Protein backbone atom coordinates (compact mmCIF):
# COMPACT_ATOMS: atom_id res chain seq x y z
CA MET A 1 -102.94 0.08 -3.91
CA ILE A 2 -106.74 -0.10 -3.49
CA ARG A 3 -107.14 3.63 -3.98
CA PRO A 4 -105.42 3.80 -7.40
CA LEU A 5 -107.50 0.84 -8.66
CA GLY A 6 -110.67 2.63 -7.63
CA ILE A 7 -109.58 5.80 -9.39
CA ALA A 8 -108.77 3.83 -12.55
CA ALA A 9 -112.17 2.10 -12.55
CA ALA A 10 -113.99 5.43 -12.11
CA ALA A 11 -111.98 6.99 -14.91
CA THR A 12 -112.82 4.09 -17.24
CA ALA A 13 -116.52 4.42 -16.54
CA SER A 14 -116.37 8.18 -17.18
CA LEU A 15 -114.59 7.67 -20.51
CA ARG A 16 -117.20 5.16 -21.66
CA ALA A 17 -120.05 7.48 -20.73
CA SER A 18 -118.44 10.39 -22.59
CA ALA A 19 -117.90 8.30 -25.68
CA ALA A 20 -121.51 7.13 -25.63
CA GLU A 21 -122.81 10.70 -25.50
CA GLN A 22 -120.68 11.71 -28.48
CA GLY A 23 -121.79 8.71 -30.48
CA GLN A 24 -118.35 7.10 -30.58
CA GLY A 25 -119.51 3.79 -29.34
CA PRO A 26 -117.87 1.73 -26.67
CA ILE A 27 -114.18 2.16 -26.12
CA ASP A 28 -112.16 -0.88 -26.97
CA VAL A 29 -109.94 -2.65 -24.53
CA LEU A 30 -106.68 -1.41 -26.13
CA THR A 31 -107.70 2.23 -25.69
CA LEU A 32 -108.51 1.60 -22.06
CA TYR A 33 -105.21 -0.19 -21.56
CA ALA A 34 -103.32 2.79 -23.04
CA LEU A 35 -105.11 5.20 -20.75
CA GLN A 36 -104.62 3.20 -17.52
CA PRO A 37 -100.86 4.01 -17.02
CA ALA A 38 -101.53 7.72 -17.07
CA VAL A 39 -104.32 7.28 -14.59
CA ALA A 40 -102.36 4.89 -12.42
CA SER A 41 -99.35 7.19 -12.36
CA ALA A 42 -101.29 10.16 -11.12
CA PRO A 43 -99.98 11.36 -7.74
CA PRO A 44 -102.11 10.41 -4.80
CA SER A 45 -104.00 13.07 -2.94
CA SER A 46 -103.15 14.18 0.53
CA SER A 47 -105.89 11.97 1.88
CA ASP A 48 -104.08 8.95 0.47
CA SER A 49 -100.78 9.75 2.15
CA ALA A 50 -101.86 8.08 5.35
CA LEU A 51 -102.35 4.84 3.42
CA ILE A 52 -98.81 4.86 2.01
CA ALA A 53 -96.26 3.64 4.60
CA PRO A 54 -92.72 4.97 4.34
CA ALA A 55 -90.13 2.50 3.18
CA ALA A 56 -88.35 0.71 6.00
CA SER A 57 -84.97 1.33 4.39
CA ASP A 58 -85.58 5.09 4.34
CA ALA A 59 -86.51 5.16 8.03
CA ALA A 60 -83.42 3.17 8.96
CA LYS A 61 -81.05 5.59 7.25
CA PRO A 62 -79.36 7.93 9.73
CA ALA A 63 -79.27 11.60 9.07
CA ALA A 64 -76.09 12.58 7.29
CA LEU A 65 -73.86 14.80 9.37
CA PRO A 66 -71.31 17.12 7.83
CA SER A 67 -67.85 15.72 8.25
CA ALA A 68 -65.17 17.95 9.76
CA PRO A 69 -62.03 18.46 7.68
CA PRO A 70 -58.96 16.55 8.92
CA VAL A 71 -56.85 18.48 11.39
CA GLU A 72 -53.28 18.89 10.23
CA ALA A 73 -50.61 19.00 12.95
CA SER A 74 -48.76 22.25 12.74
CA ALA A 75 -45.93 21.28 15.11
CA PRO A 76 -43.02 19.32 13.56
CA PRO A 77 -42.23 15.88 15.02
CA ILE A 78 -39.90 15.95 17.99
CA GLU A 79 -36.62 14.21 17.31
CA SER A 80 -34.99 12.61 20.29
CA SER A 81 -31.25 13.14 20.70
CA ALA A 82 -30.89 10.12 22.97
CA PRO A 83 -29.46 6.97 21.34
CA THR A 84 -31.97 4.35 20.34
CA THR A 85 -32.21 0.99 22.04
CA LEU A 86 -30.69 -0.65 18.96
CA GLN A 87 -27.71 1.75 19.00
CA ALA A 88 -27.15 1.13 22.69
CA ALA A 89 -27.36 -2.60 22.13
CA THR A 90 -24.83 -2.56 19.30
CA SER A 91 -22.27 -0.45 21.19
CA THR A 92 -19.26 -2.65 22.01
CA THR A 93 -17.06 -0.18 23.90
CA PRO A 94 -17.14 -0.84 27.67
CA ARG A 95 -17.16 2.09 30.04
CA PHE A 96 -13.94 3.10 31.76
CA GLY A 97 -13.23 0.92 34.80
CA ALA A 98 -15.62 -1.88 33.86
CA LYS A 99 -14.57 -5.31 35.08
CA ASP A 100 -12.68 -7.36 32.44
CA SER A 101 -12.14 -4.35 30.15
CA TRP A 102 -8.73 -3.72 28.56
CA ARG A 103 -6.79 -0.59 27.70
CA VAL A 104 -3.56 0.42 25.98
CA ASN A 105 -1.42 3.00 27.84
CA LEU A 106 1.31 5.32 26.57
CA GLU A 107 3.23 7.24 29.22
CA GLY A 108 6.21 9.52 29.70
CA GLU A 109 7.95 10.17 33.04
CA TRP A 110 10.58 12.45 34.52
CA MET A 111 12.27 11.61 37.86
CA THR A 112 14.84 13.36 40.00
CA ASP A 113 16.63 12.73 43.31
CA PHE A 114 16.77 16.54 43.93
CA GLN A 115 20.57 16.37 43.97
CA ASP A 116 22.46 15.59 40.80
CA ALA A 117 20.62 12.77 38.99
CA ASN A 118 17.69 12.90 36.57
CA ASP A 119 15.90 10.10 34.79
CA VAL A 120 13.49 10.28 31.82
CA GLN A 121 11.70 7.28 30.40
CA ALA A 122 8.85 6.27 28.14
CA ARG A 123 6.53 3.35 28.77
CA ILE A 124 4.00 1.43 26.74
CA GLY A 125 1.72 -1.20 28.20
CA VAL A 126 -1.63 -2.88 28.48
CA ALA A 127 -3.99 -2.64 31.44
CA TRP A 128 -6.65 -5.10 32.56
CA PHE A 129 -9.41 -4.17 35.01
CA PHE A 130 -9.46 -7.40 37.00
CA VAL A 131 -12.19 -6.00 39.29
CA GLU A 132 -14.40 -2.95 39.02
CA ASN A 133 -12.25 0.25 38.90
CA ALA A 134 -8.99 -1.58 39.67
CA GLU A 135 -6.43 -2.22 36.92
CA LEU A 136 -3.31 -4.31 36.58
CA ALA A 137 -0.89 -2.79 34.05
CA LEU A 138 2.19 -4.37 32.48
CA TYR A 139 4.74 -2.03 30.84
CA GLY A 140 7.84 -2.15 28.76
CA SER A 141 10.07 0.90 29.27
CA GLY A 142 13.12 2.62 27.93
CA GLY A 143 14.93 5.72 29.17
CA TYR A 144 18.06 7.67 29.96
CA VAL A 145 19.75 8.55 33.26
CA SER A 146 21.84 11.68 33.72
CA GLN A 147 24.04 11.29 36.81
CA PRO A 148 27.49 12.05 38.24
CA GLY A 149 30.08 9.83 36.60
CA GLN A 150 28.84 8.00 33.52
CA ASP A 151 25.34 8.47 32.17
CA ALA A 152 23.37 5.38 31.21
CA GLY A 153 20.60 4.17 28.94
CA THR A 154 17.94 2.07 30.64
CA TYR A 155 15.37 -0.59 29.69
CA GLY A 156 13.03 -2.66 31.75
CA MET A 157 9.58 -3.92 32.65
CA ASP A 158 7.07 -2.74 35.26
CA LEU A 159 3.99 -4.26 36.84
CA GLU A 160 1.63 -1.77 38.49
CA VAL A 161 -1.74 -1.92 40.25
CA ARG A 162 -4.00 1.14 40.21
CA TRP A 163 -7.18 1.51 42.19
CA HIS A 164 -9.56 4.23 41.04
CA PHE A 165 -11.11 4.81 44.45
CA LEU A 166 -13.15 7.81 43.25
CA ALA A 167 -14.54 6.98 39.80
CA ARG A 168 -16.92 9.26 37.94
CA GLU A 169 -18.22 9.18 34.39
CA THR A 170 -15.51 11.47 32.94
CA TRP A 171 -12.78 11.50 35.62
CA SER A 172 -11.27 9.52 38.47
CA LEU A 173 -8.73 9.64 41.30
CA PHE A 174 -6.47 6.65 41.89
CA GLY A 175 -3.67 5.27 44.02
CA SER A 176 -0.93 3.03 42.62
CA ILE A 177 1.71 0.57 43.74
CA GLY A 178 4.14 -1.35 41.57
CA CYS A 179 7.52 -2.91 41.05
CA GLY A 180 9.76 -3.53 38.06
CA VAL A 181 13.21 -4.55 36.89
CA MET A 182 15.66 -2.25 35.10
CA GLY A 183 18.83 -2.93 33.16
CA SER A 184 21.27 -0.19 32.14
CA THR A 185 24.25 0.34 29.91
CA SER A 186 26.32 1.39 32.95
CA SER A 187 25.89 1.29 36.69
CA VAL A 188 22.93 3.22 38.19
CA PRO A 189 23.83 4.88 40.49
CA SER A 190 27.35 5.20 39.10
CA ASP A 191 28.74 3.32 42.15
CA GLY A 192 25.94 0.75 42.04
CA SER A 193 25.06 -1.95 39.49
CA GLU A 194 23.70 -2.44 35.97
CA PHE A 195 20.66 -4.34 37.20
CA ASN A 196 18.12 -2.94 39.66
CA PHE A 197 14.64 -3.34 41.04
CA THR A 198 12.29 -0.37 40.90
CA PRO A 199 9.46 -0.40 43.50
CA SER A 200 7.10 2.60 43.44
CA ILE A 201 4.01 4.09 45.06
CA GLY A 202 1.97 7.05 43.89
CA ALA A 203 -1.34 8.80 43.30
CA GLY A 204 -2.95 10.49 40.36
CA ALA A 205 -6.04 11.36 38.35
CA THR A 206 -7.59 10.61 34.99
CA ILE A 207 -9.82 12.79 32.83
CA GLU A 208 -11.68 11.99 29.64
CA VAL A 209 -10.27 13.96 26.69
CA ALA A 210 -12.03 12.13 23.84
CA GLU A 211 -14.38 9.22 23.37
CA ASN A 212 -12.88 6.19 25.11
CA THR A 213 -9.60 8.09 25.74
CA ARG A 214 -8.24 9.19 29.13
CA LEU A 215 -5.41 11.47 30.13
CA TYR A 216 -3.45 10.11 33.11
CA MET A 217 -1.54 12.40 35.50
CA SER A 218 0.41 11.06 38.43
CA ALA A 219 3.19 11.72 40.93
CA ARG A 220 5.06 8.82 42.51
CA TRP A 221 7.99 7.87 44.67
CA ASP A 222 10.40 5.52 42.87
CA HIS A 223 13.31 3.60 44.36
CA ILE A 224 16.29 2.14 42.48
CA SER A 225 18.15 -0.67 44.22
CA ASN A 226 19.79 -4.03 43.42
CA ALA A 227 18.38 -5.58 46.65
CA GLN A 228 21.83 -6.76 47.75
CA THR A 229 22.32 -8.89 44.65
CA TYR A 230 25.70 -7.13 44.17
CA ALA A 231 28.44 -6.31 46.64
CA ASP A 232 27.58 -2.62 46.60
CA ASN A 233 24.00 -1.38 46.87
CA PRO A 234 23.95 2.39 47.24
CA GLY A 235 20.36 2.77 45.95
CA ARG A 236 18.59 5.97 44.98
CA ASP A 237 15.19 7.53 45.80
CA ASN A 238 13.43 9.62 43.18
CA LEU A 239 10.28 11.68 42.93
CA GLY A 240 8.69 11.36 39.53
CA VAL A 241 5.80 12.88 37.63
CA TRP A 242 4.32 11.32 34.58
CA LEU A 243 1.63 11.91 31.96
CA GLY A 244 -0.01 9.36 29.74
CA LEU A 245 -2.87 8.54 27.42
CA SER A 246 -5.04 5.48 27.88
CA PHE A 247 -7.10 4.06 25.00
CA GLY A 248 -9.97 1.61 25.41
CA MET A 249 -9.87 -1.68 23.52
């Protein structure tokens, strides 16, 4: 600041001396005022640079670095095939064999005494897994008996317990025991009675054939007897095989 003022004063004195030599007389104040901006705006010499301190704001500015362009991911997002937590939480179908789960069973059976009698029947029922992998099934049944003498139509109810002792995610092996009552349109056997008990024991397997649907396959021994409730009780032993479908509820 001091340096420019000195330069301006020297320039004013020089202008006055030049005007006096040329006979112009003293320079008025307005002329000097008009000339001072040009003098004051003259760039300082290199010797004055040491007197001019750099602005603090300029020194505080960091050097600008070139910014790298954003990297675009070339790989597509990976989509998970596993069900989400929300989907798993909203699923209401219990797994096969879960305690307190229920199922509807449809079954068909063929039995023979390996002599001269054959029995076919269909059953429909509900099953309740009262403990893990063990079910209690109640059936209504209807069928037909071909035998020596007079054939007969049959109807009845069965209660059966099945224990899936080897249970896997899509299949199982089970043992069964049950008992039922059977009425008929004529005596079964033909020299027996029209009312009988039907205890049974067997073993079988299940396999998953669709979501929440199982195919049942079993072989069982089945006995027909009136348990001495009539005068004659000839009884009959049969070997039966049956297939069925079980649907989760």
